[in-house]
Amino acid sequence: MVLTLASLVVLATIYLLAKRYETRMVLFCSGVLMSLLAGDLLGSFNAFSHAMTETKLFEAIIAVMGFAMVMKITECDKHLINLLIKPLRKAGPLLIPASVLVTLFINTSITSSAGCSAAVGPILIPLMIAAGIHPAIAAACIYAGTYGAMFNPGYPQVNLIVSVSNSTPVAVVANHFWPLLASGVIGAVSLWAIARLRNEHKGYQLPPEMEIHPESFQVNILKALVPLIPIVILVLGSMKVVPAFSKLAISHAMIIGVFCAFAVTRMSPAKLSKEFWHGAGDAFGHVFGIIICALVFVGGMKSAGLIQALMQAMIENPAIAKVSATFGPFILGVVSGSGDAAAVAFNKAVTIHANDFGLSPLDMGSMAAIGGALGRTMSPVAGGLIICSTLAGVSPIETAKRNAPGMILACIVTMILLLYK
């Protein structure tokens, strides 16, 4: 009975989000309601307390939003946009798929989906919007490229597959390289097609105060380069090109960017400091606030036993192992907003028995990990998608809706390439 009621609450939540009711209110109240139905009021409250201590995610988000506010007040973002807007407009229909694939490549180095969104989003999302692309498509483009981490042999999910398949990291990546690449291309082309069908690939009008007029704007090259500094630092560090940079966190790179903005613009340090912390405060209220409420929602589902029931249903149906390995983690990723949690749970519980189902642990493990990643890429409660949506000024459900067709198709194609070969 509790599972049935909890399922109805989840469906109602999706409906209310689609109707654009206040996101934080809907997620928080739904999570608390499911906990009450399960007789576990502390479940959602504990999830709230746990979310408030997510210091790593919190640190990255407030630093990114603070840096974005500094870029806005110094107009460094305008200089970068005006520098690139002409060639970007000439890129035409290629801009959407190119943005997805660029993010996919960067995510191989910055392996956190939320971290990659936070690093790349402030640069590419305003550029795409300025080029006339609808904000929801721009946000979806960034998050649609955040499963490239599976190309990295050092990625924790890859090493989990190694442990359950008795293989090596390089062998795991080589085994799923082409299916994963196909998923990236499908996600990119799908977003391009959706944008064309919805007429969101061009013609978006910026608000008057944000309009771009490159023909009359005098670009300062130094100011235009400042917004790129944090991403360059993070990529060079993660790829070990500059070993000293590898010790820097996302927040450190953003702070360095703020100092560079001061050096280039000579704006009042007091004003820059005020705007940085203004952005940090907005980040807590808008971005982190949604993430906290999303975790309360997930906590409610756990209290009601909904996630555990989904996992148990997959474990108890080995006859449909291929479909379970694909859509089990995928659905969990959509519902929970965490592809890693879905894949870890499945691989530890099910993939270790892959040989009993007539499947290779290598193939099954990769399918579960990729399926979970694709699922959370269309989840309106995923932290990275919330970050991208906030940067674009749209609802997370709007971004999720645009990613959904491509992620579903990519999941099916990946299943065929990995499990039916």
Protein backbone atom coordinates (compact mmCIF):
# COMPACT_ATOMS: atom_id res chain seq x y z
CA MET A 1 0.00 0.00 0.00
CA VAL A 2 2.82 2.41 0.92
CA LEU A 3 4.60 1.67 -2.37
CA THR A 4 1.44 2.39 -4.35
CA LEU A 5 0.83 5.68 -2.57
CA ALA A 6 4.49 6.68 -2.91
CA SER A 7 4.35 5.94 -6.64
CA LEU A 8 1.30 8.19 -6.94
CA VAL A 9 3.17 10.95 -5.08
CA VAL A 10 6.09 10.63 -7.55
CA LEU A 11 3.71 10.89 -10.51
CA ALA A 12 1.99 13.90 -8.93
CA THR A 13 5.40 15.51 -8.36
CA ILE A 14 6.32 15.11 -12.02
CA TYR A 15 2.96 16.59 -13.03
CA LEU A 16 3.35 19.60 -10.72
CA LEU A 17 6.90 20.24 -11.91
CA ALA A 18 5.73 20.05 -15.51
CA LYS A 19 3.05 22.63 -14.64
CA ARG A 20 5.85 24.86 -13.31
CA TYR A 21 4.84 24.99 -9.68
CA GLU A 22 7.64 26.22 -7.40
CA THR A 23 10.30 23.50 -7.69
CA ARG A 24 11.66 23.60 -4.14
CA MET A 25 8.21 23.58 -2.57
CA VAL A 26 7.02 20.62 -4.68
CA LEU A 27 10.13 18.49 -4.10
CA PHE A 28 10.34 19.19 -0.37
CA CYS A 29 6.65 18.60 0.32
CA SER A 30 6.62 15.41 -1.78
CA GLY A 31 9.61 14.04 0.11
CA VAL A 32 8.08 14.78 3.50
CA LEU A 33 4.73 13.29 2.41
CA MET A 34 6.35 10.02 1.33
CA SER A 35 8.23 9.82 4.63
CA LEU A 36 4.96 10.37 6.51
CA LEU A 37 3.27 7.64 4.47
CA ALA A 38 6.08 5.29 5.49
CA GLY A 39 5.85 6.35 9.14
CA ASP A 40 9.39 7.75 8.98
CA LEU A 41 9.21 11.52 9.39
CA LEU A 42 12.91 11.66 10.25
CA GLY A 43 13.79 10.12 6.87
CA SER A 44 13.24 13.32 4.91
CA PHE A 45 14.58 15.51 7.72
CA ASN A 46 17.77 13.45 7.88
CA ALA A 47 18.10 13.84 4.12
CA PHE A 48 17.74 17.60 4.61
CA SER A 49 20.48 17.62 7.27
CA HIS A 50 22.75 15.45 5.12
CA ALA A 51 22.27 17.75 2.12
CA MET A 52 23.26 20.77 4.22
CA THR A 53 26.64 19.14 4.90
CA GLU A 54 27.45 18.36 1.25
CA THR A 55 30.42 20.71 1.48
CA LYS A 56 32.18 19.63 -1.72
CA LEU A 57 29.16 20.31 -3.92
CA PHE A 58 28.29 23.43 -1.97
CA GLU A 59 31.83 24.77 -2.30
CA ALA A 60 31.87 24.34 -6.07
CA ILE A 61 28.43 25.82 -6.66
CA ILE A 62 28.84 28.99 -4.60
CA ALA A 63 32.28 29.65 -6.11
CA VAL A 64 30.98 29.22 -9.66
CA MET A 65 27.98 31.48 -9.12
CA GLY A 66 30.14 34.04 -7.35
CA PHE A 67 32.59 34.02 -10.28
CA ALA A 68 29.69 34.34 -12.74
CA MET A 69 28.45 37.43 -10.88
CA VAL A 70 31.95 38.97 -11.03
CA MET A 71 32.10 38.28 -14.78
CA LYS A 72 28.77 40.05 -15.15
CA ILE A 73 29.69 43.16 -13.14
CA THR A 74 33.08 43.51 -14.88
CA GLU A 75 31.44 42.79 -18.26
CA CYS A 76 34.15 40.24 -19.02
CA ASP A 77 31.37 37.86 -20.12
CA LYS A 78 30.14 40.44 -22.64
CA HIS A 79 33.62 40.77 -24.14
CA LEU A 80 33.92 36.99 -24.54
CA ILE A 81 30.44 36.71 -26.07
CA ASN A 82 31.06 39.57 -28.49
CA LEU A 83 34.43 38.07 -29.45
CA LEU A 84 32.89 34.71 -30.31
CA ILE A 85 29.38 35.58 -31.40
CA LYS A 86 30.16 36.11 -35.09
CA PRO A 87 31.87 32.74 -35.66
CA LEU A 88 29.26 31.04 -33.47
CA ARG A 89 26.42 32.43 -35.56
CA LYS A 90 28.18 31.15 -38.67
CA ALA A 91 28.30 27.68 -37.11
CA GLY A 92 24.52 27.54 -37.54
CA PRO A 93 23.05 24.09 -36.82
CA LEU A 94 26.44 22.70 -35.78
CA LEU A 95 26.57 24.80 -32.61
CA ILE A 96 24.15 22.58 -30.66
CA PRO A 97 25.82 19.19 -31.31
CA ALA A 98 29.28 20.76 -31.04
CA SER A 99 28.49 22.08 -27.54
CA VAL A 100 27.38 18.61 -26.42
CA LEU A 101 30.50 16.92 -27.78
CA VAL A 102 32.84 19.59 -26.36
CA THR A 103 31.31 19.02 -22.92
CA LEU A 104 31.61 15.25 -23.42
CA PHE A 105 35.33 15.70 -24.06
CA ILE A 106 35.85 18.01 -21.07
CA ASN A 107 33.95 15.60 -18.82
CA THR A 108 36.61 12.96 -19.46
CA SER A 109 38.90 15.19 -17.40
CA ILE A 110 36.46 16.93 -15.03
CA THR A 111 34.63 13.70 -14.22
CA SER A 112 31.97 15.04 -11.85
CA SER A 113 28.77 15.81 -13.79
CA ALA A 114 27.93 18.67 -11.42
CA GLY A 115 31.52 19.93 -11.46
CA CYS A 116 31.72 19.80 -15.25
CA SER A 117 28.36 21.60 -15.53
CA ALA A 118 29.59 24.25 -13.12
CA ALA A 119 32.85 24.72 -15.01
CA VAL A 120 31.57 24.69 -18.60
CA GLY A 121 28.05 26.07 -18.15
CA PRO A 122 28.94 29.70 -17.33
CA ILE A 123 30.89 29.90 -20.60
CA LEU A 124 28.89 27.93 -23.17
CA ILE A 125 25.32 28.55 -22.00
CA PRO A 126 25.44 32.39 -22.38
CA LEU A 127 27.23 31.98 -25.72
CA MET A 128 24.53 29.69 -27.09
CA ILE A 129 21.73 31.92 -25.82
CA ALA A 130 23.42 34.97 -27.38
CA ALA A 131 23.59 33.03 -30.66
CA GLY A 132 19.78 32.76 -30.60
CA ILE A 133 19.39 29.26 -29.11
CA HIS A 134 16.57 28.78 -26.60
CA PRO A 135 17.88 28.73 -22.97
CA ALA A 136 16.39 25.28 -22.24
CA ILE A 137 18.23 23.79 -25.25
CA ALA A 138 21.43 25.56 -24.18
CA ALA A 139 21.17 24.07 -20.67
CA ALA A 140 20.35 20.63 -22.07
CA CYS A 141 23.39 20.75 -24.38
CA ILE A 142 25.78 21.05 -21.45
CA TYR A 143 24.23 18.36 -19.28
CA ALA A 144 23.82 16.00 -22.25
CA GLY A 145 27.61 15.79 -22.43
CA THR A 146 28.28 14.91 -18.80
CA TYR A 147 28.72 11.15 -19.10
CA GLY A 148 32.06 11.40 -20.92
CA ALA A 149 33.73 10.47 -17.63
CA MET A 150 33.20 6.81 -18.59
CA PHE A 151 36.01 7.31 -21.14
CA ASN A 152 38.44 7.93 -18.26
CA PRO A 153 40.18 4.71 -17.02
CA GLY A 154 40.58 6.31 -13.59
CA TYR A 155 36.88 7.03 -13.13
CA PRO A 156 35.44 5.24 -10.03
CA GLN A 157 32.63 3.61 -12.02
CA VAL A 158 35.18 2.11 -14.40
CA ASN A 159 37.13 0.71 -11.49
CA LEU A 160 33.98 -0.78 -10.00
CA ILE A 161 33.41 -2.62 -13.29
CA VAL A 162 37.03 -3.81 -13.08
CA SER A 163 36.36 -5.28 -9.63
CA VAL A 164 33.24 -7.20 -10.71
CA SER A 165 34.63 -8.38 -14.06
CA ASN A 166 38.22 -9.23 -13.12
CA SER A 167 39.48 -7.01 -15.93
CA THR A 168 41.63 -3.88 -16.29
CA PRO A 169 40.58 -0.20 -16.55
CA VAL A 170 41.90 0.10 -20.12
CA ALA A 171 40.04 -3.07 -21.16
CA VAL A 172 36.79 -1.77 -19.64
CA VAL A 173 37.04 1.56 -21.47
CA ALA A 174 38.02 -0.17 -24.74
CA ASN A 175 35.01 -2.49 -24.41
CA HIS A 176 32.44 0.30 -24.11
CA PHE A 177 34.27 3.00 -26.11
CA TRP A 178 32.17 2.79 -29.30
CA PRO A 179 28.78 2.32 -27.59
CA LEU A 180 29.55 5.30 -25.32
CA LEU A 181 30.69 7.41 -28.26
CA ALA A 182 27.50 6.46 -30.09
CA SER A 183 25.49 7.61 -27.06
CA GLY A 184 27.24 10.98 -27.12
CA VAL A 185 26.54 11.46 -30.82
CA ILE A 186 22.90 10.39 -30.39
CA GLY A 187 22.44 12.87 -27.53
CA ALA A 188 23.98 15.67 -29.61
CA VAL A 189 22.00 14.95 -32.79
CA SER A 190 18.78 14.42 -30.82
CA LEU A 191 19.02 17.86 -29.22
CA TRP A 192 19.69 19.40 -32.61
CA ALA A 193 16.60 17.66 -34.03
CA ILE A 194 14.41 18.68 -31.06
CA ALA A 195 15.59 22.28 -31.35
CA ARG A 196 14.72 22.27 -35.06
CA LEU A 197 11.30 20.71 -34.49
CA ARG A 198 10.47 23.22 -31.74
CA ASN A 199 12.07 26.07 -33.69
CA GLU A 200 14.43 26.69 -30.76
CA HIS A 201 17.69 26.49 -32.72
CA LYS A 202 17.69 30.19 -33.64
CA GLY A 203 15.83 33.41 -33.20
CA TYR A 204 15.71 33.55 -29.39
CA GLN A 205 15.51 37.18 -28.37
CA LEU A 206 17.55 38.26 -25.38
CA PRO A 207 16.00 40.74 -22.93
CA PRO A 208 16.82 44.34 -23.97
CA GLU A 209 19.40 44.76 -21.21
CA MET A 210 21.26 41.64 -22.43
CA GLU A 211 21.15 42.24 -26.18
CA ILE A 212 24.40 41.73 -28.08
CA HIS A 213 25.56 44.13 -30.80
CA PRO A 214 28.98 42.83 -31.91
CA GLU A 215 29.24 45.30 -34.78
CA SER A 216 29.34 48.26 -32.36
CA PHE A 217 31.08 46.62 -29.38
CA GLN A 218 34.81 47.21 -28.88
CA VAL A 219 36.21 43.90 -27.64
CA ASN A 220 39.05 43.91 -25.09
CA ILE A 221 40.90 40.63 -25.65
CA LEU A 222 42.22 40.44 -22.08
CA LYS A 223 38.73 40.86 -20.64
CA ALA A 224 37.40 38.27 -23.07
CA LEU A 225 39.96 35.72 -21.90
CA VAL A 226 39.20 36.07 -18.18
CA PRO A 227 36.03 33.87 -18.18
CA LEU A 228 38.07 31.06 -19.76
CA ILE A 229 40.79 31.04 -17.10
CA PRO A 230 39.09 28.69 -14.57
CA ILE A 231 38.20 26.05 -17.18
CA VAL A 232 41.72 26.16 -18.64
CA ILE A 233 43.21 25.69 -15.16
CA LEU A 234 40.90 22.76 -14.38
CA VAL A 235 41.45 20.98 -17.71
CA LEU A 236 45.24 21.42 -17.67
CA GLY A 237 45.31 20.17 -14.08
CA SER A 238 43.07 17.16 -14.56
CA MET A 239 45.01 16.11 -17.70
CA LYS A 240 48.31 16.50 -15.79
CA VAL A 241 49.60 18.95 -18.42
CA VAL A 242 50.42 21.35 -15.57
CA PRO A 243 50.84 19.09 -12.49
CA ALA A 244 50.64 22.01 -10.06
CA PHE A 245 47.07 22.73 -11.25
CA SER A 246 45.92 19.20 -10.39
CA LYS A 247 45.78 20.16 -6.70
CA LEU A 248 43.33 22.99 -7.34
CA ALA A 249 39.61 22.44 -6.71
CA ILE A 250 36.88 24.04 -8.84
CA SER A 251 36.42 26.76 -6.20
CA HIS A 252 40.14 27.56 -6.25
CA ALA A 253 40.10 28.01 -10.04
CA MET A 254 37.11 30.35 -9.76
CA ILE A 255 38.83 32.49 -7.10
CA ILE A 256 41.93 32.74 -9.30
CA GLY A 257 39.59 33.91 -12.07
CA VAL A 258 38.24 36.64 -9.78
CA PHE A 259 41.76 37.90 -9.06
CA CYS A 260 42.50 37.91 -12.79
CA ALA A 261 39.34 39.93 -13.38
CA PHE A 262 40.59 42.50 -10.86
CA ALA A 263 44.03 42.63 -12.50
CA VAL A 264 42.53 43.20 -15.94
CA THR A 265 39.66 45.58 -15.10
CA ARG A 266 41.08 47.40 -12.05
CA MET A 267 37.58 47.58 -10.63
CA SER A 268 37.17 48.34 -6.93
CA PRO A 269 38.17 45.25 -4.89
CA ALA A 270 35.35 46.02 -2.45
CA LYS A 271 32.81 45.99 -5.28
CA LEU A 272 34.19 42.72 -6.67
CA SER A 273 34.08 41.13 -3.23
CA LYS A 274 30.50 42.31 -2.69
CA GLU A 275 29.36 40.92 -6.05
CA PHE A 276 31.16 37.60 -5.53
CA TRP A 277 29.35 37.01 -2.24
CA HIS A 278 26.11 38.26 -3.76
CA GLY A 279 26.47 35.48 -6.34
CA ALA A 280 27.36 33.00 -3.61
CA GLY A 281 24.19 33.91 -1.72
CA ASP A 282 22.08 33.51 -4.84
CA ALA A 283 23.70 30.12 -5.41
CA PHE A 284 22.61 28.92 -1.99
CA GLY A 285 19.08 30.23 -2.31
CA HIS A 286 18.40 29.06 -5.86
CA VAL A 287 20.76 26.28 -6.93
CA PHE A 288 21.68 24.63 -3.65
CA GLY A 289 18.16 25.17 -2.34
CA ILE A 290 16.77 23.06 -5.18
CA ILE A 291 19.43 20.38 -4.64
CA ILE A 292 18.58 20.19 -0.93
CA CYS A 293 14.88 19.78 -1.71
CA ALA A 294 15.70 17.18 -4.38
CA LEU A 295 17.61 15.14 -1.80
CA VAL A 296 14.66 15.42 0.60
CA PHE A 297 12.49 14.03 -2.23
CA VAL A 298 14.91 11.12 -2.76
CA GLY A 299 15.02 10.56 1.01
CA GLY A 300 11.23 10.27 0.99
CA MET A 301 11.39 7.64 -1.76
CA LYS A 302 13.93 5.67 0.25
CA SER A 303 11.77 5.85 3.38
CA ALA A 304 8.79 4.55 1.40
CA GLY A 305 10.93 1.72 0.03
CA LEU A 306 10.38 2.77 -3.57
CA ILE A 307 14.02 2.65 -4.67
CA GLN A 308 14.66 -0.62 -2.83
CA ALA A 309 11.57 -2.13 -4.48
CA LEU A 310 12.85 -1.21 -7.93
CA MET A 311 16.21 -2.81 -7.18
CA GLN A 312 14.61 -5.96 -5.77
CA ALA A 313 12.37 -6.34 -8.82
CA MET A 314 15.46 -6.37 -11.05
CA ILE A 315 17.33 -8.88 -8.88
CA GLU A 316 14.36 -11.24 -8.79
CA ASN A 317 13.93 -11.32 -12.58
CA PRO A 318 17.16 -12.76 -14.01
CA ALA A 319 15.28 -13.94 -17.12
CA ILE A 320 15.13 -10.33 -18.28
CA ALA A 321 18.71 -9.59 -17.25
CA LYS A 322 19.58 -7.60 -20.37
CA VAL A 323 16.61 -5.29 -20.03
CA SER A 324 17.11 -5.04 -16.26
CA ALA A 325 20.79 -4.14 -16.65
CA THR A 326 19.80 -1.40 -19.08
CA PHE A 327 16.60 0.14 -17.80
CA GLY A 328 16.94 -0.70 -14.10
CA PRO A 329 19.85 1.72 -13.47
CA PHE A 330 18.37 4.07 -16.09
CA ILE A 331 15.05 4.39 -14.24
CA LEU A 332 16.81 4.68 -10.89
CA GLY A 333 18.98 7.43 -12.35
CA VAL A 334 15.89 9.33 -13.55
CA VAL A 335 14.08 8.95 -10.23
CA SER A 336 17.00 9.64 -7.89
CA GLY A 337 19.09 12.04 -9.98
CA SER A 338 22.20 9.94 -9.29
CA GLY A 339 23.57 7.67 -11.99
CA ASP A 340 26.45 6.57 -9.76
CA ALA A 341 24.18 5.38 -6.96
CA ALA A 342 22.05 3.37 -9.39
CA ALA A 343 25.04 1.76 -11.11
CA VAL A 344 26.90 0.94 -7.89
CA ALA A 345 23.82 -0.69 -6.37
CA PHE A 346 23.16 -2.76 -9.49
CA ASN A 347 26.75 -3.81 -10.16
CA LYS A 348 27.37 -4.89 -6.59
CA ALA A 349 24.10 -6.82 -6.33
CA VAL A 350 23.52 -8.17 -9.84
CA THR A 351 26.54 -7.90 -12.14
CA ILE A 352 28.59 -10.21 -9.94
CA HIS A 353 26.16 -12.97 -11.10
CA ALA A 354 26.33 -11.99 -14.79
CA ASN A 355 27.76 -15.36 -15.85
CA ASP A 356 24.66 -17.08 -14.44
CA PHE A 357 22.54 -15.01 -16.86
CA GLY A 358 24.75 -15.89 -19.84
CA LEU A 359 26.23 -12.39 -19.95
CA SER A 360 29.74 -11.00 -19.66
CA PRO A 361 30.31 -9.09 -16.39
CA LEU A 362 32.29 -6.58 -18.46
CA ASP A 363 29.34 -5.86 -20.76
CA MET A 364 26.73 -5.94 -18.00
CA GLY A 365 28.77 -3.69 -15.71
CA SER A 366 29.36 -1.09 -18.43
CA MET A 367 25.69 -1.18 -19.44
CA ALA A 368 24.57 -0.55 -15.86
CA ALA A 369 27.02 2.35 -15.43
CA ILE A 370 26.17 3.98 -18.77
CA GLY A 371 22.44 3.37 -18.26
CA GLY A 372 22.54 5.06 -14.86
CA ALA A 373 24.44 8.03 -16.32
CA LEU A 374 21.98 8.41 -19.19
CA GLY A 375 19.06 8.24 -16.76
CA ARG A 376 20.30 10.98 -14.47
CA THR A 377 21.06 13.13 -17.54
CA MET A 378 17.29 13.47 -18.02
CA SER A 379 16.45 13.69 -14.31
CA PRO A 380 14.96 17.01 -13.15
CA VAL A 381 16.37 16.37 -9.65
CA ALA A 382 19.99 15.84 -10.75
CA GLY A 383 22.39 18.40 -9.26
CA GLY A 384 24.21 19.13 -12.52
CA LEU A 385 21.00 19.59 -14.48
CA ILE A 386 19.76 22.01 -11.82
CA ILE A 387 23.00 23.99 -12.14
CA CYS A 388 22.68 24.20 -15.95
CA SER A 389 19.01 25.17 -15.73
CA THR A 390 19.75 27.90 -13.20
CA LEU A 391 22.53 29.32 -15.36
CA ALA A 392 20.10 29.39 -18.30
CA GLY A 393 17.23 30.80 -16.23
CA VAL A 394 14.81 27.93 -16.97
CA SER A 395 13.00 25.24 -14.97
CA PRO A 396 14.89 21.92 -14.52
CA ILE A 397 11.87 20.06 -15.90
CA GLU A 398 12.16 22.05 -19.16
CA THR A 399 15.78 21.01 -19.55
CA ALA A 400 15.01 17.38 -18.65
CA LYS A 401 12.19 17.18 -21.22
CA ARG A 402 14.55 18.18 -24.03
CA ASN A 403 17.20 15.66 -23.02
CA ALA A 404 14.76 12.77 -22.54
CA PRO A 405 14.27 11.55 -26.16
CA GLY A 406 17.99 11.41 -26.86
CA MET A 407 18.83 9.68 -23.59
CA ILE A 408 16.14 7.01 -24.10
CA LEU A 409 17.30 6.34 -27.66
CA ALA A 410 20.96 6.29 -26.56
CA CYS A 411 20.12 3.78 -23.83
CA ILE A 412 18.45 1.42 -26.31
CA VAL A 413 21.32 1.68 -28.81
CA THR A 414 23.92 1.11 -26.09
CA MET A 415 22.02 -1.98 -24.92
CA ILE A 416 22.03 -3.40 -28.44
CA LEU A 417 25.73 -2.70 -28.97
CA LEU A 418 26.84 -4.06 -25.58
CA LEU A 419 24.44 -6.86 -24.74
CA TYR A 420 23.25 -8.17 -28.11
CA LYS A 421 26.57 -8.44 -29.92
